[in-house]
C-alpha cells in the first residue's frame, strides 16, 4: 500500500510539472506570435509609407529616368543583389513594382486598379 501511494504521488507530481511546463510553452509561444505579428504589421506599414513617399516625389518622372535611378541605387548595394527589371508597364526593384503609365511613373507598390 505504501509503495502504491508513493508511486501515485510521484506520478501526480510529474504530471503537474509536465502540465506546468507545457502551459508555460503554450503561453510563451502565443506571446511570441503576437510580437511577431505586431512587428510584421509595423514593417508592412513602414514599407507602404516609403512607397507613398517615393511615389509622391517621383510621380510623373519619365520611365528611363526612373529605371536609371533604380539601377544606381541597386549598384550602390551590390551585396544585397537587388534586381531591377522591366516587365511590360512595370519596373521591378527587387519585389517592389514601379507602375509606368504612358511612359511616366504613375505609382509605386501593388497597383490598386
PDB file of N, CA and C in Angstrom:
ATOM      1  N   UNK A   1       0.831  -1.193   0.000  1.00  0.00           N
ATOM      2  CA  UNK A   1       0.000   0.000   0.000  1.00  0.00           C
ATOM      3  C   UNK A   1       0.870   1.250   0.000  1.00  0.00           C
ATOM      4  N   UNK A   2       1.925   1.239   0.787  1.00  0.00           N
ATOM      5  CA  UNK A   2       2.785   2.404   0.889  1.00  0.00           C
ATOM      6  C   UNK A   2       3.501   2.673  -0.443  1.00  0.00           C
ATOM      7  N   UNK A   3       3.923   1.604  -1.129  1.00  0.00           N
ATOM      8  CA  UNK A   3       4.611   1.761  -2.409  1.00  0.00           C
ATOM      9  C   UNK A   3       3.659   2.319  -3.466  1.00  0.00           C
ATOM     10  N   UNK A   4       2.419   1.850  -3.450  1.00  0.00           N
ATOM     11  CA  UNK A   4       1.427   2.330  -4.406  1.00  0.00           C
ATOM     12  C   UNK A   4       1.144   3.812  -4.187  1.00  0.00           C
ATOM     13  N   UNK A   5       0.991   4.227  -2.941  1.00  0.00           N
ATOM     14  CA  UNK A   5       0.759   5.631  -2.618  1.00  0.00           C
ATOM     15  C   UNK A   5       1.936   6.490  -3.058  1.00  0.00           C
ATOM     16  N   UNK A   6       3.130   6.025  -2.793  1.00  0.00           N
ATOM     17  CA  UNK A   6       4.332   6.753  -3.190  1.00  0.00           C
ATOM     18  C   UNK A   6       4.419   6.863  -4.715  1.00  0.00           C
ATOM     19  N   UNK A   7       4.105   5.777  -5.403  1.00  0.00           N
ATOM     20  CA  UNK A   7       4.134   5.773  -6.864  1.00  0.00           C
ATOM     21  C   UNK A   7       3.101   6.748  -7.430  1.00  0.00           C
ATOM     22  N   UNK A   8       1.880   6.722  -6.884  1.00  0.00           N
ATOM     23  CA  UNK A   8       0.828   7.626  -7.356  1.00  0.00           C
ATOM     24  C   UNK A   8       1.175   9.085  -7.069  1.00  0.00           C
ATOM     25  N   UNK A   9       1.747   9.347  -5.910  1.00  0.00           N
ATOM     26  CA  UNK A   9       2.151  10.703  -5.555  1.00  0.00           C
ATOM     27  C   UNK A   9       3.251  11.203  -6.488  1.00  0.00           C
ATOM     28  N   UNK A  10       4.200  10.346  -6.771  1.00  0.00           N
ATOM     29  CA  UNK A  10       5.284  10.688  -7.684  1.00  0.00           C
ATOM     30  C   UNK A  10       4.749  10.917  -9.104  1.00  0.00           C
ATOM     31  N   UNK A  11       3.842  10.066  -9.548  1.00  0.00           N
ATOM     32  CA  UNK A  11       3.230  10.217 -10.878  1.00  0.00           C
ATOM     33  C   UNK A  11       2.441  11.521 -10.971  1.00  0.00           C
ATOM     34  N   UNK A  12       1.705  11.835  -9.917  1.00  0.00           N
ATOM     35  CA  UNK A  12       0.941  13.076  -9.882  1.00  0.00           C
ATOM     36  C   UNK A  12       1.869  14.283  -9.944  1.00  0.00           C
ATOM     37  N   UNK A  13       2.952  14.232  -9.198  1.00  0.00           N
ATOM     38  CA  UNK A  13       3.925  15.334  -9.199  1.00  0.00           C
ATOM     39  C   UNK A  13       4.530  15.533 -10.585  1.00  0.00           C
ATOM     40  N   UNK A  14       4.917  14.447 -11.218  1.00  0.00           N
ATOM     41  CA  UNK A  14       5.492  14.530 -12.567  1.00  0.00           C
ATOM     42  C   UNK A  14       4.456  15.079 -13.547  1.00  0.00           C
ATOM     43  N   UNK A  15       3.220  14.638 -13.424  1.00  0.00           N
ATOM     44  CA  UNK A  15       2.150  15.116 -14.308  1.00  0.00           C
ATOM     45  C   UNK A  15       1.916  16.615 -14.135  1.00  0.00           C
ATOM     46  N   UNK A  16       1.890  17.070 -12.893  1.00  0.00           N
ATOM     47  CA  UNK A  16       1.686  18.500 -12.627  1.00  0.00           C
ATOM     48  C   UNK A  16       2.841  19.319 -13.191  1.00  0.00           C
ATOM     49  N   UNK A  17       4.061  18.838 -13.002  1.00  0.00           N
ATOM     50  CA  UNK A  17       5.236  19.551 -13.532  1.00  0.00           C
ATOM     51  C   UNK A  17       5.179  19.602 -15.059  1.00  0.00           C
ATOM     52  N   UNK A  18       4.816  18.491 -15.686  1.00  0.00           N
ATOM     53  CA  UNK A  18       4.709  18.463 -17.152  1.00  0.00           C
ATOM     54  C   UNK A  18       3.618  19.411 -17.646  1.00  0.00           C
ATOM     55  N   UNK A  19       2.479  19.427 -16.969  1.00  0.00           N
ATOM     56  CA  UNK A  19       1.395  20.339 -17.357  1.00  0.00           C
ATOM     57  C   UNK A  19       1.835  21.795 -17.227  1.00  0.00           C
ATOM     58  N   UNK A  20       2.515  22.110 -16.142  1.00  0.00           N
ATOM     59  CA  UNK A  20       3.008  23.477 -15.954  1.00  0.00           C
ATOM     60  C   UNK A  20       4.019  23.835 -17.039  1.00  0.00           C
ATOM     61  N   UNK A  21       4.881  22.908 -17.367  1.00  0.00           N
ATOM     62  CA  UNK A  21       5.891  23.104 -18.405  1.00  0.00           C
ATOM     63  C   UNK A  21       5.230  23.373 -19.760  1.00  0.00           C
ATOM     64  N   UNK A  22       4.246  22.551 -20.136  1.00  0.00           N
ATOM     65  CA  UNK A  22       3.554  22.737 -21.412  1.00  0.00           C
ATOM     66  C   UNK A  22       2.720  24.016 -21.422  1.00  0.00           C
ATOM     67  N   UNK A  23       2.105  24.365 -20.299  1.00  0.00           N
ATOM     68  CA  UNK A  23       1.339  25.611 -20.222  1.00  0.00           C
ATOM     69  C   UNK A  23       2.259  26.814 -20.418  1.00  0.00           C
ATOM     70  N   UNK A  24       3.434  26.771 -19.805  1.00  0.00           N
ATOM     71  CA  UNK A  24       4.402  27.858 -19.977  1.00  0.00           C
ATOM     72  C   UNK A  24       4.779  28.017 -21.448  1.00  0.00           C
ATOM     73  N   UNK A  25       5.099  26.909 -22.113  1.00  0.00           N
ATOM     74  CA  UNK A  25       5.492  26.994 -23.522  1.00  0.00           C
ATOM     75  C   UNK A  25       4.345  27.442 -24.412  1.00  0.00           C
ATOM     76  N   UNK A  26       3.121  27.060 -24.080  1.00  0.00           N
ATOM     77  CA  UNK A  26       1.970  27.484 -24.862  1.00  0.00           C
ATOM     78  C   UNK A  26       1.784  28.998 -24.737  1.00  0.00           C
ATOM     79  N   UNK A  27       1.850  29.517 -23.522  1.00  0.00           N
ATOM     80  CA  UNK A  27       1.716  30.957 -23.295  1.00  0.00           C
ATOM     81  C   UNK A  27       2.874  31.709 -23.947  1.00  0.00           C
ATOM     82  N   UNK A  28       4.088  31.180 -23.799  1.00  0.00           N
ATOM     83  CA  UNK A  28       5.259  31.819 -24.393  1.00  0.00           C
ATOM     84  C   UNK A  28       5.139  31.884 -25.911  1.00  0.00           C
ATOM     85  N   UNK A  29       4.680  30.818 -26.513  1.00  0.00           N
ATOM     86  CA  UNK A  29       4.511  30.792 -27.969  1.00  0.00           C
ATOM     87  C   UNK A  29       3.450  31.798 -28.406  1.00  0.00           C
ATOM     88  N   UNK A  30       2.360  31.897 -27.664  1.00  0.00           N
ATOM     89  CA  UNK A  30       1.302  32.851 -28.003  1.00  0.00           C
ATOM     90  C   UNK A  30       1.825  34.279 -27.947  1.00  0.00           C
ATOM     91  N   UNK A  31       2.592  34.594 -26.923  1.00  0.00           N
ATOM     92  CA  UNK A  31       3.165  35.934 -26.792  1.00  0.00           C
ATOM     93  C   UNK A  31       4.142  36.198 -27.930  1.00  0.00           C
ATOM     94  N   UNK A  32       4.986  35.219 -28.240  1.00  0.00           N
ATOM     95  CA  UNK A  32       5.958  35.385 -29.326  1.00  0.00           C
ATOM     96  C   UNK A  32       5.259  35.612 -30.659  1.00  0.00           C
ATOM     97  N   UNK A  33       4.183  34.874 -30.918  1.00  0.00           N
ATOM     98  CA  UNK A  33       3.445  35.050 -32.166  1.00  0.00           C
ATOM     99  C   UNK A  33       2.784  36.419 -32.232  1.00  0.00           C
ATOM    100  N   UNK A  34       2.286  36.920 -31.102  1.00  0.00           N
ATOM    101  CA  UNK A  34       1.701  38.259 -31.073  1.00  0.00           C
ATOM    102  C   UNK A  34       2.748  39.319 -31.398  1.00  0.00           C
ATOM    103  N   UNK A  35       3.935  39.197 -30.799  1.00  0.00           N
ATOM    104  CA  UNK A  35       5.014  40.139 -31.093  1.00  0.00           C
ATOM    105  C   UNK A  35       5.433  40.054 -32.558  1.00  0.00           C
ATOM    106  N   UNK A  36       5.490  38.857 -33.096  1.00  0.00           N
ATOM    107  CA  UNK A  36       5.859  38.671 -34.495  1.00  0.00           C
ATOM    108  C   UNK A  36       4.833  39.322 -35.415  1.00  0.00           C
ATOM    109  N   UNK A  37       3.561  39.129 -35.125  1.00  0.00           N
ATOM    110  CA  UNK A  37       2.506  39.720 -35.941  1.00  0.00           C
ATOM    111  C   UNK A  37       2.550  41.247 -35.854  1.00  0.00           C
ATOM    112  N   UNK A  38       2.760  41.782 -34.662  1.00  0.00           N
ATOM    113  CA  UNK A  38       2.843  43.228 -34.496  1.00  0.00           C
ATOM    114  C   UNK A  38       4.043  43.782 -35.258  1.00  0.00           C
ATOM    115  N   UNK A  39       5.157  43.095 -35.195  1.00  0.00           N
ATOM    116  CA  UNK A  39       6.356  43.512 -35.915  1.00  0.00           C
ATOM    117  C   UNK A  39       6.115  43.489 -37.420  1.00  0.00           C
ATOM    118  N   UNK A  40       5.444  42.455 -37.903  1.00  0.00           N
ATOM    119  CA  UNK A  40       5.125  42.346 -39.327  1.00  0.00           C
ATOM    120  C   UNK A  40       4.235  43.502 -39.766  1.00  0.00           C
ATOM    121  N   UNK A  41       3.211  43.815 -38.990  1.00  0.00           N
ATOM    122  CA  UNK A  41       2.298  44.909 -39.341  1.00  0.00           C
ATOM    123  C   UNK A  41       3.027  46.256 -39.359  1.00  0.00           C
ATOM    124  N   UNK A  42       3.923  46.467 -38.397  1.00  0.00           N
ATOM    125  CA  UNK A  42       4.701  47.706 -38.358  1.00  0.00           C
ATOM    126  C   UNK A  42       5.594  47.811 -39.587  1.00  0.00           C
ATOM    127  N   UNK A  43       6.253  46.721 -39.934  1.00  0.00           N
ATOM    128  CA  UNK A  43       7.134  46.694 -41.106  1.00  0.00           C
ATOM    129  C   UNK A  43       6.341  46.947 -42.386  1.00  0.00           C
ATOM    130  N   UNK A  44       5.199  46.306 -42.507  1.00  0.00           N
ATOM    131  CA  UNK A  44       4.351  46.479 -43.690  1.00  0.00           C
ATOM    132  C   UNK A  44       3.881  47.923 -43.814  1.00  0.00           C
ATOM    133  N   UNK A  45       3.517  48.528 -42.708  1.00  0.00           N
ATOM    134  CA  UNK A  45       3.087  49.923 -42.704  1.00  0.00           C
ATOM    135  C   UNK A  45       4.235  50.848 -43.099  1.00  0.00           C
ATOM    136  N   UNK A  46       5.428  50.570 -42.600  1.00  0.00           N
ATOM    137  CA  UNK A  46       6.599  51.386 -42.943  1.00  0.00           C
ATOM    138  C   UNK A  46       6.917  51.298 -44.425  1.00  0.00           C
ATOM    139  N   UNK A  47       6.851  50.096 -44.980  1.00  0.00           N
ATOM    140  CA  UNK A  47       7.114  49.919 -46.413  1.00  0.00           C
ATOM    141  C   UNK A  47       6.064  50.658 -47.235  1.00  0.00           C
ATOM    142  N   UNK A  48       4.810  50.571 -46.833  1.00  0.00           N
ATOM    143  CA  UNK A  48       3.744  51.273 -47.555  1.00  0.00           C
ATOM    144  C   UNK A  48       3.962  52.784 -47.503  1.00  0.00           C
ATOM    145  N   UNK A  49       4.383  53.299 -46.351  1.00  0.00           N
ATOM    146  CA  UNK A  49       4.651  54.735 -46.234  1.00  0.00           C
ATOM    147  C   UNK A  49       5.817  55.159 -47.116  1.00  0.00           C
ATOM    148  N   UNK A  50       6.870  54.337 -47.168  1.00  0.00           N
ATOM    149  CA  UNK A  50       8.009  54.649 -48.039  1.00  0.00           C
ATOM    150  C   UNK A  50       7.607  54.606 -49.508  1.00  0.00           C
ATOM    151  N   UNK A  51       6.757  53.658 -49.877  1.00  0.00           N
ATOM    152  CA  UNK A  51       6.284  53.590 -51.255  1.00  0.00           C
ATOM    153  C   UNK A  51       5.489  54.845 -51.615  1.00  0.00           C
ATOM    154  N   UNK A  52       4.655  55.309 -50.696  1.00  0.00           N
ATOM    155  CA  UNK A  52       3.883  56.533 -50.942  1.00  0.00           C
ATOM    156  C   UNK A  52       4.798  57.742 -51.064  1.00  0.00           C
ATOM    157  N   UNK A  53       5.828  57.792 -50.217  1.00  0.00           N
ATOM    158  CA  UNK A  53       6.776  58.900 -50.264  1.00  0.00           C
ATOM    159  C   UNK A  53       7.509  58.933 -51.600  1.00  0.00           C
ATOM    160  N   UNK A  54       8.025  57.786 -52.022  1.00  0.00           N
ATOM    161  CA  UNK A  54       8.740  57.723 -53.298  1.00  0.00           C
ATOM    162  C   UNK A  54       7.797  58.069 -54.445  1.00  0.00           C
ATOM    163  N   UNK A  55       6.590  57.534 -54.398  1.00  0.00           N
ATOM    164  CA  UNK A  55       5.624  57.813 -55.464  1.00  0.00           C
ATOM    165  C   UNK A  55       5.307  59.300 -55.546  1.00  0.00           C
ATOM    166  N   UNK A  56       5.174  59.962 -54.406  1.00  0.00           N
ATOM    167  CA  UNK A  56       4.839  61.389 -54.438  1.00  0.00           C
ATOM    168  C   UNK A  56       6.006  62.230 -54.945  1.00  0.00           C
ATOM    169  N   UNK A  57       7.234  61.810 -54.648  1.00  0.00           N
ATOM    170  CA  UNK A  57       8.413  62.558 -55.095  1.00  0.00           C
ATOM    171  C   UNK A  57       8.751  62.284 -56.559  1.00  0.00           C
ATOM    172  N   UNK A  58       8.547  61.059 -57.000  1.00  0.00           N
ATOM    173  CA  UNK A  58       8.954  60.666 -58.352  1.00  0.00           C
ATOM    174  C   UNK A  58       7.800  60.635 -59.344  1.00  0.00           C
ATOM    175  N   UNK A  59       6.579  60.822 -58.899  1.00  0.00           N
ATOM    176  CA  UNK A  59       5.419  60.707 -59.795  1.00  0.00           C
ATOM    177  C   UNK A  59       5.587  61.623 -61.003  1.00  0.00           C
ATOM    178  N   UNK A  60       5.373  61.048 -62.168  1.00  0.00           N
ATOM    179  CA  UNK A  60       5.477  61.811 -63.405  1.00  0.00           C
ATOM    180  C   UNK A  60       6.854  61.782 -64.045  1.00  0.00           C
ATOM    181  N   UNK A  61       7.845  61.196 -63.362  1.00  0.00           N
ATOM    182  CA  UNK A  61       9.183  61.099 -63.963  1.00  0.00           C
ATOM    183  C   UNK A  61       9.125  60.170 -65.171  1.00  0.00           C
ATOM    184  N   UNK A  62       9.915  60.473 -66.205  1.00  0.00           N
ATOM    185  CA  UNK A  62       9.955  59.586 -67.370  1.00  0.00           C
ATOM    186  C   UNK A  62      10.474  58.197 -66.989  1.00  0.00           C
ATOM    187  N   UNK A  63       9.993  57.206 -67.706  1.00  0.00           N
ATOM    188  CA  UNK A  63      10.346  55.810 -67.436  1.00  0.00           C
ATOM    189  C   UNK A  63      11.853  55.591 -67.411  1.00  0.00           C
ATOM    190  N   UNK A  64      12.567  56.148 -68.369  1.00  0.00           N
ATOM    191  CA  UNK A  64      14.018  55.975 -68.435  1.00  0.00           C
ATOM    192  C   UNK A  64      14.722  56.536 -67.215  1.00  0.00           C
ATOM    193  N   UNK A  65      14.258  57.675 -66.745  1.00  0.00           N
ATOM    194  CA  UNK A  65      14.865  58.303 -65.568  1.00  0.00           C
ATOM    195  C   UNK A  65      14.605  57.466 -64.310  1.00  0.00           C
ATOM    196  N   UNK A  66      13.404  56.930 -64.197  1.00  0.00           N
ATOM    197  CA  UNK A  66      13.073  56.079 -63.048  1.00  0.00           C
ATOM    198  C   UNK A  66      13.964  54.839 -63.052  1.00  0.00           C
ATOM    199  N   UNK A  67      14.074  54.198 -64.207  1.00  0.00           N
ATOM    200  CA  UNK A  67      14.892  52.986 -64.292  1.00  0.00           C
ATOM    201  C   UNK A  67      16.351  53.299 -63.987  1.00  0.00           C
ATOM    202  N   UNK A  68      16.847  54.429 -64.471  1.00  0.00           N
ATOM    203  CA  UNK A  68      18.238  54.819 -64.212  1.00  0.00           C
ATOM    204  C   UNK A  68      18.469  55.026 -62.714  1.00  0.00           C
ATOM    205  N   UNK A  69      17.535  55.727 -62.047  1.00  0.00           N
ATOM    206  CA  UNK A  69      17.673  55.968 -60.605  1.00  0.00           C
ATOM    207  C   UNK A  69      17.667  54.648 -59.827  1.00  0.00           C
ATOM    208  N   UNK A  70      16.780  53.753 -60.203  1.00  0.00           N
ATOM    209  CA  UNK A  70      16.696  52.466 -59.510  1.00  0.00           C
ATOM    210  C   UNK A  70      17.968  51.650 -59.720  1.00  0.00           C
ATOM    211  N   UNK A  71      18.502  51.662 -60.921  1.00  0.00           N
ATOM    212  CA  UNK A  71      19.743  50.930 -61.197  1.00  0.00           C
ATOM    213  C   UNK A  71      20.921  51.525 -60.427  1.00  0.00           C
ATOM    214  N   UNK A  72      20.934  52.854 -60.268  1.00  0.00           N
ATOM    215  CA  UNK A  72      22.000  53.493 -59.488  1.00  0.00           C
ATOM    216  C   UNK A  72      21.927  53.066 -58.025  1.00  0.00           C
ATOM    217  N   UNK A  73      20.730  53.029 -57.482  1.00  0.00           N
ATOM    218  CA  UNK A  73      20.557  52.602 -56.087  1.00  0.00           C
ATOM    219  C   UNK A  73      20.979  51.143 -55.933  1.00  0.00           C
ATOM    220  N   UNK A  74      20.591  50.302 -56.872  1.00  0.00           N
ATOM    221  CA  UNK A  74      20.959  48.883 -56.811  1.00  0.00           C
ATOM    222  C   UNK A  74      22.471  48.708 -56.912  1.00  0.00           C
ATOM    223  N   UNK A  75      23.130  49.528 -57.726  1.00  0.00           N
ATOM    224  CA  UNK A  75      24.581  49.421 -57.901  1.00  0.00           C
ATOM    225  C   UNK A  75      25.335  49.833 -56.639  1.00  0.00           C
ATOM    226  N   UNK A  76      24.737  50.695 -55.819  1.00  0.00           N
ATOM    227  CA  UNK A  76      25.390  51.144 -54.584  1.00  0.00           C
ATOM    228  C   UNK A  76      25.407  50.058 -53.508  1.00  0.00           C
ATOM    229  N   UNK A  77      24.559  49.049 -53.652  1.00  0.00           N
ATOM    230  CA  UNK A  77      24.482  47.960 -52.665  1.00  0.00           C
ATOM    231  C   UNK A  77      24.575  46.609 -53.363  1.00  0.00           C
ATOM    232  N   UNK A  78      25.727  46.287 -53.951  1.00  0.00           N
ATOM    233  CA  UNK A  78      25.827  45.011 -54.678  1.00  0.00           C
ATOM    234  C   UNK A  78      25.670  43.784 -53.777  1.00  0.00           C
ATOM    235  N   UNK A  79      25.979  43.924 -52.497  1.00  0.00           N
ATOM    236  CA  UNK A  79      25.855  42.785 -51.585  1.00  0.00           C
ATOM    237  C   UNK A  79      24.399  42.376 -51.367  1.00  0.00           C
ATOM    238  N   UNK A  80      23.466  43.286 -51.609  1.00  0.00           N
ATOM    239  CA  UNK A  80      22.043  42.972 -51.429  1.00  0.00           C
ATOM    240  C   UNK A  80      21.449  42.277 -52.650  1.00  0.00           C
ATOM    241  N   UNK A  81      22.158  42.320 -53.766  1.00  0.00           N
ATOM    242  CA  UNK A  81      21.724  41.671 -55.017  1.00  0.00           C
ATOM    243  C   UNK A  81      20.322  42.105 -55.427  1.00  0.00           C
ATOM    244  N   UNK A  82      20.111  43.399 -55.489  1.00  0.00           N
ATOM    245  CA  UNK A  82      18.821  43.948 -55.891  1.00  0.00           C
ATOM    246  C   UNK A  82      18.678  43.798 -57.403  1.00  0.00           C
ATOM    247  N   UNK A  83      17.557  43.260 -57.822  1.00  0.00           N
ATOM    248  CA  UNK A  83      17.290  43.062 -59.246  1.00  0.00           C
ATOM    249  C   UNK A  83      16.365  44.169 -59.734  1.00  0.00           C
ATOM    250  N   UNK A  84      16.783  44.849 -60.800  1.00  0.00           N
ATOM    251  CA  UNK A  84      15.952  45.860 -61.452  1.00  0.00           C
ATOM    252  C   UNK A  84      15.633  45.321 -62.838  1.00  0.00           C
ATOM    253  N   UNK A  85      14.341  45.111 -63.111  1.00  0.00           N
ATOM    254  CA  UNK A  85      13.962  44.600 -64.431  1.00  0.00           C
ATOM    255  C   UNK A  85      12.626  45.189 -64.857  1.00  0.00           C
ATOM    256  N   UNK A  86      12.455  45.279 -66.160  1.00  0.00           N
ATOM    257  CA  UNK A  86      11.226  45.830 -66.724  1.00  0.00           C
ATOM    258  C   UNK A  86      10.384  44.699 -67.284  1.00  0.00           C
ATOM    259  N   UNK A  87       9.122  44.680 -66.897  1.00  0.00           N
ATOM    260  CA  UNK A  87       8.155  43.707 -67.410  1.00  0.00           C
ATOM    261  C   UNK A  87       6.896  44.453 -67.806  1.00  0.00           C
ATOM    262  N   UNK A  88       6.716  44.660 -69.076  1.00  0.00           N
ATOM    263  CA  UNK A  88       5.534  45.382 -69.548  1.00  0.00           C
ATOM    264  C   UNK A  88       5.549  46.821 -69.063  1.00  0.00           C
ATOM    265  N   UNK A  89       4.527  47.198 -68.332  1.00  0.00           N
ATOM    266  CA  UNK A  89       4.435  48.574 -67.834  1.00  0.00           C
ATOM    267  C   UNK A  89       4.891  48.684 -66.379  1.00  0.00           C
ATOM    268  N   UNK A  90       5.680  47.714 -65.935  1.00  0.00           N
ATOM    269  CA  UNK A  90       6.168  47.714 -64.549  1.00  0.00           C
ATOM    270  C   UNK A  90       7.684  47.593 -64.550  1.00  0.00           C
ATOM    271  N   UNK A  91       8.335  48.428 -63.735  1.00  0.00           N
ATOM    272  CA  UNK A  91       9.762  48.275 -63.467  1.00  0.00           C
ATOM    273  C   UNK A  91       9.858  47.699 -62.062  1.00  0.00           C
ATOM    274  N   UNK A  92      10.458  46.521 -61.959  1.00  0.00           N
ATOM    275  CA  UNK A  92      10.594  45.862 -60.661  1.00  0.00           C
ATOM    276  C   UNK A  92      11.911  46.256 -60.020  1.00  0.00           C
ATOM    277  N   UNK A  93      11.847  46.715 -58.785  1.00  0.00           N
ATOM    278  CA  UNK A  93      13.026  46.986 -57.970  1.00  0.00           C
ATOM    279  C   UNK A  93      12.980  45.962 -56.853  1.00  0.00           C
ATOM    280  N   UNK A  94      13.665  44.852 -57.067  1.00  0.00           N
ATOM    281  CA  UNK A  94      13.575  43.680 -56.203  1.00  0.00           C
ATOM    282  C   UNK A  94      12.120  43.210 -56.214  1.00  0.00           C
ATOM    283  N   UNK A  95      11.375  43.349 -55.140  1.00  0.00           N
ATOM    284  CA  UNK A  95       9.978  42.908 -55.092  1.00  0.00           C
ATOM    285  C   UNK A  95       8.989  44.070 -55.123  1.00  0.00           C
ATOM    286  N   UNK A  96       9.478  45.282 -55.380  1.00  0.00           N
ATOM    287  CA  UNK A  96       8.613  46.465 -55.367  1.00  0.00           C
ATOM    288  C   UNK A  96       8.328  46.899 -56.800  1.00  0.00           C
ATOM    289  N   UNK A  97       7.048  46.927 -57.197  1.00  0.00           N
ATOM    290  CA  UNK A  97       6.716  47.349 -58.554  1.00  0.00           C
ATOM    291  C   UNK A  97       6.593  48.874 -58.670  1.00  0.00           C
ATOM    292  N   UNK A  98       7.219  49.412 -59.708  1.00  0.00           N
ATOM    293  CA  UNK A  98       7.068  50.816 -60.067  1.00  0.00           C
ATOM    294  C   UNK A  98       6.203  50.823 -61.320  1.00  0.00           C
ATOM    295  N   UNK A  99       4.974  51.288 -61.194  1.00  0.00           N
ATOM    296  CA  UNK A  99       3.990  51.212 -62.270  1.00  0.00           C
ATOM    297  C   UNK A  99       4.125  52.403 -63.213  1.00  0.00           C
ATOM    298  N   UNK A 100       4.342  52.092 -64.489  1.00  0.00           N
ATOM    299  CA  UNK A 100       4.517  53.113 -65.515  1.00  0.00           C
ATOM    300  C   UNK A 100       3.224  53.227 -66.313  1.00  0.00           C
ATOM    301  N   UNK A 101       2.786  54.450 -66.524  1.00  0.00           N
ATOM    302  CA  UNK A 101       1.581  54.728 -67.296  1.00  0.00           C
ATOM    303  C   UNK A 101       1.931  55.805 -68.318  1.00  0.00           C
ATOM    304  N   UNK A 102       1.764  55.513 -69.589  1.00  0.00           N
ATOM    305  CA  UNK A 102       2.058  56.440 -70.689  1.00  0.00           C
ATOM    306  C   UNK A 102       3.489  56.975 -70.613  1.00  0.00           C
ATOM    307  N   UNK A 103       4.436  56.093 -70.297  1.00  0.00           N
ATOM    308  CA  UNK A 103       5.848  56.454 -70.286  1.00  0.00           C
ATOM    309  C   UNK A 103       6.317  57.211 -69.057  1.00  0.00           C
ATOM    310  N   UNK A 104       5.453  57.362 -68.062  1.00  0.00           N
ATOM    311  CA  UNK A 104       5.810  58.097 -66.844  1.00  0.00           C
ATOM    312  C   UNK A 104       5.407  57.283 -65.615  1.00  0.00           C
ATOM    313  N   UNK A 105       6.113  57.542 -64.505  1.00  0.00           N
ATOM    314  CA  UNK A 105       5.802  56.830 -63.261  1.00  0.00           C
ATOM    315  C   UNK A 105       4.429  57.248 -62.762  1.00  0.00           C
ATOM    316  N   UNK A 106       3.583  56.244 -62.524  1.00  0.00           N
ATOM    317  CA  UNK A 106       2.229  56.505 -62.046  1.00  0.00           C
ATOM    318  C   UNK A 106       2.099  56.220 -60.553  1.00  0.00           C
ATOM    319  N   UNK A 107       2.654  55.072 -60.117  1.00  0.00           N
ATOM    320  CA  UNK A 107       2.544  54.704 -58.702  1.00  0.00           C
ATOM    321  C   UNK A 107       3.639  53.714 -58.343  1.00  0.00           C
ATOM    322  N   UNK A 108       3.833  53.546 -57.034  1.00  0.00           N
ATOM    323  CA  UNK A 108       4.812  52.594 -56.517  1.00  0.00           C
ATOM    324  C   UNK A 108       4.063  51.627 -55.613  1.00  0.00           C
ATOM    325  N   UNK A 109       4.355  50.355 -55.763  1.00  0.00           N
ATOM    326  CA  UNK A 109       3.681  49.337 -54.964  1.00  0.00           C
ATOM    327  C   UNK A 109       2.619  48.646 -55.783  1.00  0.00           C
ATOM    328  N   UNK A 110       1.922  47.707 -55.168  1.00  0.00           N
ATOM    329  CA  UNK A 110       0.882  46.971 -55.896  1.00  0.00           C
ATOM    330  C   UNK A 110      -0.154  47.919 -56.478  1.00  0.00           C
ATOM    331  N   UNK A 111      -0.492  47.688 -57.724  1.00  0.00           N
ATOM    332  CA  UNK A 111      -1.463  48.544 -58.404  1.00  0.00           C
ATOM    333  C   UNK A 111      -2.837  48.352 -57.785  1.00  0.00           C
ATOM    334  N   UNK A 112      -3.553  49.437 -57.597  1.00  0.00           N
ATOM    335  CA  UNK A 112      -4.888  49.377 -56.992  1.00  0.00           C
ATOM    336  C   UNK A 112      -5.978  49.377 -58.054  1.00  0.00           C
ATOM    337  N   UNK A 113      -5.595  49.223 -59.294  1.00  0.00           N
ATOM    338  CA  UNK A 113      -6.593  49.234 -60.378  1.00  0.00           C
ATOM    339  C   UNK A 113      -7.050  47.865 -60.702  1.00  0.00           C
TER     340      UNK A 113
END
